[in-house]
């Protein structure tokens, strides 16, 4: 699926979402790629066999035009937020994502936008990418913090960029505050214990960042 809704642990189509809940607004998710610069030990990509039966596993990456076509067909009166997040890392298609964000903001100004990312786009592109999320394109950026130190971070994420990944991710998060109204870092419960989460919270507070504890999903 390219466009989907997350509902109680399930990835479903927008049409199915309307059947289950005919009234009210909801978030939709845009799935651009299977590619990722991490291979997290707790990610569904690592826990499930990735084949054509997986609803979010793309047979091929959609073009910008194909995504725009699916977005244009949606009943926008039921949408409050668009989130770029799938089985892959959305910043692997940074330029395409920016085009789509601009399309959403131009056509549906009242809808908020969010990016869920591992925060490693600086390393992927070899430059400061924080400004790419400015100009009113993104309302919230959610960055996977995962751990309180670089060794534990690498153990969990298996980032292709090695130990520098952790500090680069934190620096990226801080710079994003200049361009994005809401910057959130996340850790996953049941992956990290309460003491580790406490350390993560302290790091965020020191850097003026917000921490959210995500519920672990194994299905």
Protein backbone atom coordinates (compact mmCIF):
# COMPACT_ATOMS: atom_id res chain seq x y z
CA UNK A 1 0.00 0.00 0.00
CA UNK A 2 1.11 3.51 -0.77
CA UNK A 3 -1.53 5.31 1.30
CA UNK A 4 -2.74 3.62 4.47
CA UNK A 5 -4.33 4.17 7.87
CA UNK A 6 -3.02 2.65 11.09
CA UNK A 7 -5.86 1.20 13.15
CA UNK A 8 -5.30 -0.79 16.35
CA UNK A 9 -2.21 -2.60 15.12
CA UNK A 10 -3.42 -3.00 11.54
CA UNK A 11 -2.38 -1.28 8.32
CA UNK A 12 -5.59 -0.74 6.34
CA UNK A 13 -6.80 1.19 3.32
CA UNK A 14 -8.58 4.50 3.71
CA UNK A 15 -11.76 2.91 2.37
CA UNK A 16 -11.61 0.26 5.10
CA UNK A 17 -10.98 2.97 7.68
CA UNK A 18 -14.17 4.76 6.61
CA UNK A 19 -16.14 1.52 6.91
CA UNK A 20 -14.91 1.06 10.46
CA UNK A 21 -15.30 4.72 11.42
CA UNK A 22 -17.57 6.67 9.05
CA UNK A 23 -17.24 9.91 11.00
CA UNK A 24 -14.33 11.98 12.26
CA UNK A 25 -10.90 12.91 11.00
CA UNK A 26 -7.84 10.68 11.04
CA UNK A 27 -4.19 10.48 10.06
CA UNK A 28 -3.10 8.94 6.79
CA UNK A 29 0.35 7.51 6.13
CA UNK A 30 2.39 7.75 2.94
CA UNK A 31 4.64 4.78 2.21
CA UNK A 32 7.35 5.80 -0.27
CA UNK A 33 10.07 3.15 -0.03
CA UNK A 34 11.25 -0.15 1.43
CA UNK A 35 14.80 1.19 1.71
CA UNK A 36 16.31 2.11 5.08
CA UNK A 37 19.76 3.09 6.31
CA UNK A 38 19.16 1.13 9.54
CA UNK A 39 18.24 -2.47 10.26
CA UNK A 40 16.78 -2.17 13.75
CA UNK A 41 16.61 -5.34 15.80
CA UNK A 42 13.05 -4.54 16.95
CA UNK A 43 11.67 -3.40 13.58
CA UNK A 44 8.93 -5.40 11.85
CA UNK A 45 11.25 -5.56 8.84
CA UNK A 46 13.52 -7.78 10.94
CA UNK A 47 10.78 -9.78 12.62
CA UNK A 48 8.62 -10.71 9.63
CA UNK A 49 9.27 -12.35 6.32
CA UNK A 50 9.14 -9.57 3.76
CA UNK A 51 7.12 -10.83 0.81
CA UNK A 52 4.19 -9.73 -1.31
CA UNK A 53 1.72 -10.68 1.41
CA UNK A 54 2.97 -7.80 3.56
CA UNK A 55 0.63 -4.87 3.00
CA UNK A 56 3.36 -2.24 3.34
CA UNK A 57 6.06 -4.05 1.39
CA UNK A 58 6.24 -2.25 -1.96
CA UNK A 59 6.82 -4.23 -5.14
CA UNK A 60 8.30 -1.04 -6.56
CA UNK A 61 8.62 2.51 -5.37
CA UNK A 62 5.73 4.72 -6.51
CA UNK A 63 6.45 7.78 -8.61
CA UNK A 64 5.58 11.24 -7.32
CA UNK A 65 2.75 11.35 -9.86
CA UNK A 66 1.35 8.03 -8.62
CA UNK A 67 1.36 9.24 -5.02
CA UNK A 68 -0.26 12.54 -6.02
CA UNK A 69 -2.94 10.62 -7.89
CA UNK A 70 -3.77 8.57 -4.79
CA UNK A 71 -3.76 11.67 -2.60
CA UNK A 72 -6.05 13.55 -4.99
CA UNK A 73 -8.63 10.74 -4.84
CA UNK A 74 -9.00 10.89 -1.03
CA UNK A 75 -11.95 12.49 0.78
CA UNK A 76 -9.94 15.21 2.51
CA UNK A 77 -12.76 16.24 4.82
CA UNK A 78 -11.84 13.15 6.87
CA UNK A 79 -8.09 13.84 7.06
CA UNK A 80 -6.34 15.81 9.78
CA UNK A 81 -2.72 14.77 9.28
CA UNK A 82 -0.44 13.27 6.64
CA UNK A 83 2.50 11.23 7.95
CA UNK A 84 5.42 10.08 5.82
CA UNK A 85 6.21 6.68 7.29
CA UNK A 86 6.21 3.12 5.97
CA UNK A 87 8.45 0.07 6.21
CA UNK A 88 11.33 2.17 4.88
CA UNK A 89 13.04 5.44 5.75
CA UNK A 90 11.19 8.27 3.95
CA UNK A 91 14.26 10.51 3.70
CA UNK A 92 15.77 7.94 1.32
CA UNK A 93 13.51 9.83 -1.13
CA UNK A 94 14.08 13.27 0.32
CA UNK A 95 13.55 15.32 -2.85
CA UNK A 96 10.41 13.42 -3.83
CA UNK A 97 9.03 13.76 -0.31
CA UNK A 98 9.57 17.53 -0.40
CA UNK A 99 7.60 17.75 -3.65
CA UNK A 100 4.75 15.81 -2.09
CA UNK A 101 4.81 17.89 1.10
CA UNK A 102 4.55 21.05 -0.99
CA UNK A 103 1.67 19.50 -2.95
CA UNK A 104 -0.20 18.75 0.28
CA UNK A 105 0.36 22.19 1.75
CA UNK A 106 -0.66 23.93 -1.49
CA UNK A 107 -3.86 21.94 -1.88
CA UNK A 108 -4.84 21.24 1.74
CA UNK A 109 -3.42 24.05 3.86
CA UNK A 110 -5.36 23.08 6.98
CA UNK A 111 -3.90 19.56 7.12
CA UNK A 112 -0.81 19.04 9.27
CA UNK A 113 2.23 17.08 8.12
CA UNK A 114 4.64 14.84 9.98
CA UNK A 115 7.76 12.87 9.09
CA UNK A 116 8.84 9.80 11.03
CA UNK A 117 12.57 9.39 10.45
CA UNK A 118 15.72 7.84 11.84
CA UNK A 119 17.35 11.27 11.67
CA UNK A 120 20.37 10.12 9.66
CA UNK A 121 19.72 12.03 6.43
CA UNK A 122 22.82 14.22 7.02
CA UNK A 123 24.98 11.11 6.78
CA UNK A 124 23.04 9.75 3.81
CA UNK A 125 23.46 12.94 1.78
CA UNK A 126 26.72 14.27 3.21
CA UNK A 127 25.28 17.68 4.10
CA UNK A 128 23.07 19.56 6.55
CA UNK A 129 19.54 18.45 5.62
CA UNK A 130 17.63 20.19 8.43
CA UNK A 131 16.79 23.21 6.21
CA UNK A 132 15.04 20.84 3.77
CA UNK A 133 12.22 20.48 6.30
CA UNK A 134 11.57 24.21 6.58
CA UNK A 135 9.51 26.71 4.55
CA UNK A 136 6.31 25.51 6.20
CA UNK A 137 6.49 22.03 4.68
CA UNK A 138 6.63 20.04 7.93
CA UNK A 139 4.68 20.64 11.14
CA UNK A 140 6.22 17.79 13.17
CA UNK A 141 9.33 15.70 12.75
CA UNK A 142 9.56 12.55 14.87
CA UNK A 143 13.09 11.17 15.18
CA UNK A 144 13.99 7.74 16.53
CA UNK A 145 16.41 8.27 19.41
CA UNK A 146 16.34 4.63 20.54
CA UNK A 147 19.12 4.76 23.16
CA UNK A 148 21.11 6.96 25.57
CA UNK A 149 24.56 6.31 24.07
CA UNK A 150 26.14 5.61 20.72
CA UNK A 151 27.18 2.03 21.48
CA UNK A 152 23.69 0.96 22.52
CA UNK A 153 22.21 2.92 19.60
CA UNK A 154 24.36 1.05 17.08
CA UNK A 155 23.59 -2.27 18.74
CA UNK A 156 19.86 -1.61 18.33
CA UNK A 157 19.75 0.13 14.96
CA UNK A 158 22.65 -1.52 13.14
CA UNK A 159 23.01 1.75 11.24
CA UNK A 160 25.08 1.48 8.08
CA UNK A 161 26.94 4.63 9.17
CA UNK A 162 28.39 3.13 12.36
CA UNK A 163 29.12 4.87 15.67
CA UNK A 164 28.90 8.46 14.35
CA UNK A 165 25.19 7.89 13.75
CA UNK A 166 24.04 8.68 17.29
CA UNK A 167 25.64 12.10 17.72
CA UNK A 168 24.71 13.06 14.16
CA UNK A 169 21.07 12.16 14.86
CA UNK A 170 20.99 14.31 18.02
CA UNK A 171 22.64 17.25 16.27
CA UNK A 172 20.16 16.94 13.41
CA UNK A 173 17.28 17.02 15.89
CA UNK A 174 18.55 20.22 17.46
CA UNK A 175 19.03 21.93 14.12
CA UNK A 176 15.52 20.95 13.05
CA UNK A 177 14.16 23.17 15.83
CA UNK A 178 15.10 26.15 13.63
CA UNK A 179 12.83 24.95 10.83
CA UNK A 180 10.09 22.68 12.20
CA UNK A 181 7.51 23.79 14.81
CA UNK A 182 7.55 20.50 16.71
CA UNK A 183 10.58 18.21 17.04
CA UNK A 184 10.03 14.95 18.94
CA UNK A 185 12.51 12.20 19.78
CA UNK A 186 11.23 8.70 20.48
CA UNK A 187 12.25 5.56 22.33
CA UNK A 188 10.40 2.26 22.39
CA UNK A 189 9.13 0.69 25.59
CA UNK A 190 9.90 -3.02 26.12
CA UNK A 191 13.04 -2.40 24.05
CA UNK A 192 14.62 -0.12 26.62
CA UNK A 193 14.04 -0.35 30.38
CA UNK A 194 12.88 2.48 32.61
CA UNK A 195 16.42 3.45 33.60
CA UNK A 196 17.53 3.75 29.98
CA UNK A 197 14.43 5.80 29.15
CA UNK A 198 15.21 8.07 32.11
CA UNK A 199 18.69 8.68 30.68
CA UNK A 200 17.21 9.45 27.26
CA UNK A 201 14.81 11.93 28.82
CA UNK A 202 17.67 13.70 30.59
CA UNK A 203 19.60 14.02 27.31
CA UNK A 204 16.55 15.50 25.62
CA UNK A 205 15.94 17.95 28.43
CA UNK A 206 19.56 19.10 28.28
CA UNK A 207 19.23 19.74 24.56
CA UNK A 208 15.77 21.31 24.80
CA UNK A 209 14.10 18.43 22.98
CA UNK A 210 10.86 16.55 23.64
CA UNK A 211 10.87 12.78 24.26
CA UNK A 212 7.98 10.43 23.54
CA UNK A 213 7.91 6.78 24.60
CA UNK A 214 6.41 4.66 21.82
CA UNK A 215 4.49 1.47 22.46
CA UNK A 216 6.34 -1.58 21.18
CA UNK A 217 4.65 -3.37 18.29
CA UNK A 218 5.43 -6.96 17.39
CA UNK A 219 2.76 -7.54 14.79
